[in-house]
Protein backbone atom coordinates (compact mmCIF):
# COMPACT_ATOMS: atom_id res chain seq x y z
CA UNK A 1 97.86 106.49 57.18
CA UNK A 2 97.75 106.65 60.98
CA UNK A 3 96.33 110.18 60.86
CA UNK A 4 93.16 111.61 59.28
CA UNK A 5 93.20 113.99 56.34
CA UNK A 6 90.12 115.30 54.62
CA UNK A 7 89.85 114.48 50.89
CA UNK A 8 89.93 118.22 50.14
CA UNK A 9 93.13 118.85 52.16
CA UNK A 10 96.49 119.17 50.39
CA UNK A 11 99.02 117.31 52.53
CA UNK A 12 102.48 117.18 50.94
CA UNK A 13 104.43 116.37 54.09
CA UNK A 14 104.93 112.78 55.22
CA UNK A 15 105.90 113.84 58.72
CA UNK A 16 102.59 113.75 60.57
CA UNK A 17 102.35 111.75 63.78
CA UNK A 18 99.41 109.51 64.75
CA UNK A 19 95.87 110.65 65.47
CA UNK A 20 96.34 114.12 64.02
CA UNK A 21 93.37 115.44 62.00
CA UNK A 22 93.78 117.68 58.95
CA UNK A 23 90.54 119.20 57.69
CA UNK A 24 89.31 120.53 54.34
CA UNK A 25 91.27 123.12 52.36
CA UNK A 26 94.28 122.94 54.68
CA UNK A 27 97.65 122.92 52.87
CA UNK A 28 100.81 121.46 54.43
CA UNK A 29 104.06 121.80 52.48
CA UNK A 30 106.60 118.93 52.19
CA UNK A 31 109.02 120.10 54.89
CA UNK A 32 106.45 120.69 57.64
CA UNK A 33 106.58 118.49 60.74
CA UNK A 34 103.40 117.95 62.75
CA UNK A 35 103.11 116.02 66.02
CA UNK A 36 100.48 113.66 67.37
CA UNK A 37 96.86 114.36 68.36
CA UNK A 38 96.78 117.76 66.62
CA UNK A 39 93.70 119.39 65.14
CA UNK A 40 94.41 121.42 62.00
CA UNK A 41 91.22 123.15 60.92
CA UNK A 42 89.93 124.33 57.54
CA UNK A 43 91.97 126.85 55.53
CA UNK A 44 95.22 126.46 57.51
CA UNK A 45 98.50 126.85 55.62
CA UNK A 46 101.75 125.41 57.02
CA UNK A 47 105.02 126.22 55.26
CA UNK A 48 108.17 124.03 55.07
CA UNK A 49 110.31 125.17 58.01
CA UNK A 50 107.55 124.81 60.59
CA UNK A 51 107.50 122.53 63.61
CA UNK A 52 104.23 121.72 65.39
CA UNK A 53 104.30 119.72 68.64
CA UNK A 54 101.76 117.28 70.07
CA UNK A 55 98.13 118.11 70.96
CA UNK A 56 98.22 121.46 69.16
CA UNK A 57 95.00 123.09 67.91
CA UNK A 58 95.23 125.44 64.93
CA UNK A 59 91.90 127.06 64.09
CA UNK A 60 90.74 128.22 60.66
CA UNK A 61 92.48 130.97 58.72
CA UNK A 62 95.94 130.60 60.29
CA UNK A 63 99.17 130.61 58.26
CA UNK A 64 102.37 129.28 59.81
CA UNK A 65 105.33 130.63 57.86
CA UNK A 66 108.91 129.40 57.76
CA UNK A 67 110.58 129.75 61.16
CA UNK A 68 107.49 129.20 63.34
CA UNK A 69 107.63 126.56 66.07
CA UNK A 70 104.62 125.60 68.19
CA UNK A 71 105.47 123.40 71.16
CA UNK A 72 103.13 120.84 72.74
CA UNK A 73 99.59 121.81 73.82
CA UNK A 74 99.54 125.18 72.05
CA UNK A 75 96.23 126.71 70.95
CA UNK A 76 96.09 129.14 68.01
CA UNK A 77 92.77 130.94 67.51
CA UNK A 78 91.12 131.72 64.17
CA UNK A 79 92.88 134.17 61.86
CA UNK A 80 95.84 134.69 64.19
CA UNK A 81 98.74 136.08 62.14
CA UNK A 82 102.40 135.08 62.39
CA UNK A 83 105.15 137.09 60.64
CA UNK A 84 108.74 136.14 59.90
CA UNK A 85 110.34 139.08 58.06
CA UNK A 86 110.62 142.50 59.77
CA UNK A 87 111.26 144.29 56.43
CA UNK A 88 109.42 142.32 53.71
CA UNK A 89 109.89 143.23 50.06
CA UNK A 90 108.41 141.52 47.04
CA UNK A 91 110.83 138.98 45.50
CA UNK A 92 113.49 139.75 48.10
CA UNK A 93 113.79 136.78 50.44
CA UNK A 94 116.10 137.03 53.48
CA UNK A 95 118.84 134.45 53.92
CA UNK A 96 117.15 133.32 57.12
CA UNK A 97 113.68 134.06 58.43
CA UNK A 98 113.26 135.32 61.99
CA UNK A 99 112.22 132.41 64.23
CA UNK A 100 109.05 132.60 66.31
CA UNK A 101 108.63 130.22 69.24
CA UNK A 102 105.34 129.58 71.04
CA UNK A 103 106.17 127.50 74.07
CA UNK A 104 104.31 124.63 75.72
CA UNK A 105 100.69 125.25 76.70
CA UNK A 106 100.47 128.85 75.43
CA UNK A 107 97.32 130.22 73.75
CA UNK A 108 97.11 132.77 70.93
CA UNK A 109 93.72 134.51 70.64
CA UNK A 110 91.73 135.13 67.49
CA UNK A 111 93.11 137.83 65.15
CA UNK A 112 96.22 138.35 67.27
CA UNK A 113 99.36 139.40 65.37
CA UNK A 114 102.88 138.34 66.36
CA UNK A 115 105.87 140.28 65.07
CA UNK A 116 108.84 138.17 63.90
CA UNK A 117 111.55 136.81 66.17
CA UNK A 118 109.48 136.62 69.38
CA UNK A 119 109.01 133.99 72.06
CA UNK A 120 105.68 133.42 73.79
CA UNK A 121 106.37 131.76 77.14
CA UNK A 122 104.89 128.62 78.62
CA UNK A 123 101.14 128.79 79.30
CA UNK A 124 100.99 132.48 78.37
CA UNK A 125 97.69 133.91 77.08
CA UNK A 126 97.67 136.34 74.15
CA UNK A 127 94.32 138.10 73.98
CA UNK A 128 92.16 138.32 70.87
CA UNK A 129 93.31 141.10 68.55
CA UNK A 130 96.52 141.77 70.48
CA UNK A 131 99.59 142.97 68.57
CA UNK A 132 102.62 141.32 70.18
CA UNK A 133 105.76 143.39 69.68
CA UNK A 134 108.04 141.81 72.29
CA UNK A 135 108.56 138.50 74.09
CA UNK A 136 105.71 137.35 76.34
CA UNK A 137 106.80 135.88 79.71
CA UNK A 138 105.62 132.48 80.91
CA UNK A 139 102.06 132.52 82.32
CA UNK A 140 101.54 136.20 81.40
CA UNK A 141 98.23 137.51 80.05
CA UNK A 142 98.73 140.20 77.38
CA UNK A 143 96.17 142.31 75.53
CA UNK A 144 96.04 145.42 73.38
CA UNK A 145 98.12 147.16 70.72
CA UNK A 146 100.94 147.00 71.55
CA UNK A 147 100.28 144.03 73.81
CA UNK A 148 100.87 144.68 77.52
CA UNK A 149 100.73 142.43 80.55
CA UNK A 150 97.47 142.78 82.46
CA UNK A 151 97.89 139.80 84.78
CA UNK A 152 99.14 136.25 85.15
CA UNK A 153 97.30 132.97 84.68
CA UNK A 154 95.84 131.55 87.92
CA UNK A 155 97.27 134.37 90.03
CA UNK A 156 94.97 135.52 92.83
CA UNK A 157 95.19 139.31 93.35
CA UNK A 158 95.82 140.97 96.71
CA UNK A 159 95.79 144.75 96.96
CA UNK A 160 97.79 146.91 99.33
CA UNK A 161 97.23 147.86 102.02
CA UNK A 162 96.18 144.69 103.77
CA UNK A 163 92.78 144.33 105.34
CA UNK A 164 92.42 146.04 108.75
CA UNK A 165 92.52 142.66 110.51
CA UNK A 166 95.73 141.64 108.73
CA UNK A 167 97.28 145.07 109.25
CA UNK A 168 96.68 144.83 113.00
CA UNK A 169 98.23 141.37 113.27
CA UNK A 170 101.50 141.30 115.25
CA UNK A 171 103.08 138.83 112.81
CA UNK A 172 103.52 138.95 109.02
CA UNK A 173 100.69 137.51 106.97
CA UNK A 174 101.27 134.54 104.73
CA UNK A 175 100.37 134.18 101.08
CA UNK A 176 99.40 131.27 98.86
CA UNK A 177 102.97 131.18 97.48
CA UNK A 178 105.46 129.20 99.55
CA UNK A 179 107.62 131.41 101.78
CA UNK A 180 106.28 134.77 100.58
CA UNK A 181 105.12 136.94 103.50
CA UNK A 182 103.31 140.28 103.67
CA UNK A 183 104.40 142.91 106.16
CA UNK A 184 102.67 146.06 107.43
CA UNK A 185 105.10 148.85 108.32
CA UNK A 186 104.41 151.49 110.95
CA UNK A 187 103.35 154.89 109.65
CA UNK A 188 103.41 158.13 111.63
CA UNK A 189 101.68 161.29 110.35
CA UNK A 190 101.87 164.78 111.87
CA UNK A 191 102.06 168.41 110.75
CA UNK A 192 105.64 167.93 109.55
CA UNK A 193 104.68 165.15 107.13
CA UNK A 194 104.62 161.35 107.15
CA UNK A 195 107.17 158.71 108.15
CA UNK A 196 107.23 154.95 107.57
CA UNK A 197 109.59 152.80 109.61
CA UNK A 198 110.67 149.15 109.60
CA UNK A 199 113.35 147.31 111.53
CA UNK A 200 115.91 144.87 110.15
CA UNK A 201 115.30 141.28 111.35
CA UNK A 202 111.80 142.32 112.40
CA UNK A 203 109.64 143.71 109.59
CA UNK A 204 112.51 143.02 107.19
CA UNK A 205 113.29 139.37 108.06
CA UNK A 206 116.97 139.30 106.96
CA UNK A 207 120.20 141.31 107.12
CA UNK A 208 120.28 143.88 104.33
CA UNK A 209 123.49 144.10 102.29
CA UNK A 210 122.23 145.98 99.24
CA UNK A 211 119.33 148.11 98.07
CA UNK A 212 118.17 149.53 94.76
CA UNK A 213 115.30 151.63 93.49
CA UNK A 214 113.31 151.30 90.27
CA UNK A 215 111.48 154.32 88.84
CA UNK A 216 110.62 156.08 85.56
CA UNK A 217 109.52 152.73 84.08
CA UNK A 218 107.28 152.82 81.02
CA UNK A 219 103.99 151.09 81.77
CA UNK A 220 104.53 148.41 79.11
CA UNK A 221 107.92 147.39 80.50
CA UNK A 222 108.41 144.30 82.67
CA UNK A 223 111.00 144.20 85.44
CA UNK A 224 112.29 141.22 87.36
CA UNK A 225 111.35 138.07 85.44
CA UNK A 226 113.77 135.87 87.37
CA UNK A 227 114.33 133.95 90.58
CA UNK A 228 117.30 133.83 92.96
CA UNK A 229 119.02 130.75 94.28
CA UNK A 230 119.94 132.14 97.72
CA UNK A 231 118.96 135.83 97.80
CA UNK A 232 116.11 137.26 99.89
CA UNK A 233 114.33 140.44 98.77
CA UNK A 234 111.93 142.89 100.43
CA UNK A 235 109.85 145.14 98.15
CA UNK A 236 108.10 148.40 99.06
CA UNK A 237 106.40 150.73 96.60
CA UNK A 238 107.30 154.20 97.87
CA UNK A 239 105.15 156.08 95.39
CA UNK A 240 102.57 155.26 92.75
CA UNK A 241 101.51 151.69 91.90
CA UNK A 242 103.31 148.52 90.83
CA UNK A 243 101.93 145.02 90.23
CA UNK A 244 104.05 142.18 91.59
CA UNK A 245 103.69 138.53 90.61
CA UNK A 246 105.32 135.75 92.65
CA UNK A 247 105.43 132.06 91.71
CA UNK A 248 106.83 129.03 93.56
CA UNK A 249 106.47 126.64 90.63
CA UNK A 250 103.10 125.31 91.83
CA UNK A 251 101.09 128.40 92.80
CA UNK A 252 101.31 132.06 91.87
CA UNK A 253 99.84 135.26 93.28
CA UNK A 254 99.65 138.87 92.17
CA UNK A 255 99.99 141.83 94.55
CA UNK A 256 99.15 145.45 93.81
CA UNK A 257 101.73 147.53 95.68
CA UNK A 258 100.25 150.99 96.15
CA UNK A 259 101.06 151.97 99.74
CA UNK A 260 104.50 152.55 101.36
CA UNK A 261 103.34 150.79 104.53
CA UNK A 262 103.03 147.46 102.66
CA UNK A 263 106.09 145.28 102.12
CA UNK A 264 106.52 141.85 100.53
CA UNK A 265 109.29 139.42 101.46
CA UNK A 266 110.36 137.22 98.53
CA UNK A 267 112.52 134.26 99.63
CA UNK A 268 114.98 132.37 97.44
CA UNK A 269 113.68 130.06 94.70
CA UNK A 270 110.64 132.25 94.04
CA UNK A 271 109.98 133.52 90.52
CA UNK A 272 108.99 137.17 90.49
CA UNK A 273 108.17 139.96 88.07
CA UNK A 274 106.95 143.54 88.33
CA UNK A 275 104.68 145.11 85.72
CA UNK A 276 101.99 147.75 85.14
CA UNK A 277 104.04 150.55 86.69
CA UNK A 278 102.13 153.80 87.11
CA UNK A 279 104.01 156.82 85.62
CA UNK A 280 105.03 158.05 89.09
CA UNK A 281 105.91 154.64 90.58
CA UNK A 282 109.06 154.25 92.67
CA UNK A 283 109.92 150.76 93.96
CA UNK A 284 112.45 150.13 96.74
CA UNK A 285 114.10 146.68 96.89
CA UNK A 286 116.18 145.53 99.87
CA UNK A 287 118.44 142.53 99.24
CA UNK A 288 120.26 140.08 101.51
CA UNK A 289 123.48 139.93 99.48
CA UNK A 290 125.65 141.81 97.02
CA UNK A 291 125.03 141.46 93.31
CA UNK A 292 126.12 138.02 92.07
CA UNK A 293 125.14 137.09 88.48
CA UNK A 294 125.43 133.37 89.23
CA UNK A 295 122.61 133.65 91.79
CA UNK A 296 120.04 134.50 89.10
CA UNK A 297 117.73 132.00 87.37
CA UNK A 298 116.45 133.81 84.28
CA UNK A 299 114.82 130.95 82.39
CA UNK A 300 111.41 129.86 83.68
CA UNK A 301 111.88 126.30 82.45
CA UNK A 302 115.15 126.03 84.40
CA UNK A 303 113.38 127.48 87.45
CA UNK A 304 110.71 124.77 87.29
CA UNK A 305 113.43 122.13 87.11
CA UNK A 306 115.27 123.58 90.11
CA UNK A 307 112.18 123.83 92.35
CA UNK A 308 110.77 120.44 91.38
CA UNK A 309 110.62 118.09 94.40
CA UNK A 310 112.26 115.50 92.14
CA UNK A 311 115.26 117.72 91.43
CA UNK A 312 118.45 117.08 93.49
CA UNK A 313 118.16 119.33 96.49
CA UNK A 314 114.77 120.57 95.32
CA UNK A 315 112.34 121.83 97.96
CA UNK A 316 110.02 119.28 99.50
CA UNK A 317 106.34 120.12 99.35
CA UNK A 318 103.16 118.32 100.20
CA UNK A 319 101.21 117.91 96.93
CA UNK A 320 98.02 118.55 98.88
CA UNK A 321 99.13 122.13 99.72
């Protein structure tokens, strides 16, 4: 054998790649496929229709049922629970089990439970004890029951409004994400009320051809989760609070939009999502073009391919940035 298996492990499959370690009391059924350099700890059970990628760690007390796929570099914490049948009955097996996909680099915390048929995105983090009832976006951090997004991996947080020094600056402030700029809009208050004003091609750095508003969003819902090929957007939270995450494929940053004098310009080829809406939140989005479905990139893996410097026409970027 070119892998290690403990004498007390039951390994029925012959499809285990090199340097994988299977420890005591683990049980792998004949149809299971396990990649290289994996660590399968004590008391792990892996059923037949299960695919495990390379460099995966599966801690003690985990059962991988038919239909579960773990891509490369996934971590599964102790006693995490996967399910594959939304309406289980004794001695009544469905024709096909619901597939569950945990994508490359994601981590599942101890005692987390995943409902059947879900996808956990690349490098996402599922907190310990979370109950995941819907797909988890790439890089998202989810906790609770039901699991909700509380942030994004490696995303520095900036709160609105900007600091007094940035707010007084005559030019828009930059961010750590390529091309994303932060804009302070003029506010006027008097006895009649308050007014916020911005000018096209000044505070809003493009011609506006469309606008839409988002409101009455349940706090657990996620909006956005896409990039545009050519479209510019300008976001202002008119009321309440919204968290915005932007990602250029190398760096990401989170903004808390909670002031109508704070706007964010999102250029093309920037992945964005909005989450953690307050109950009264109202988000205004100005766009540089009419709605065109072909302009959307909705798959994060495709987005990374498009923005890669190696991709044809991909944006050039100094690796030292």
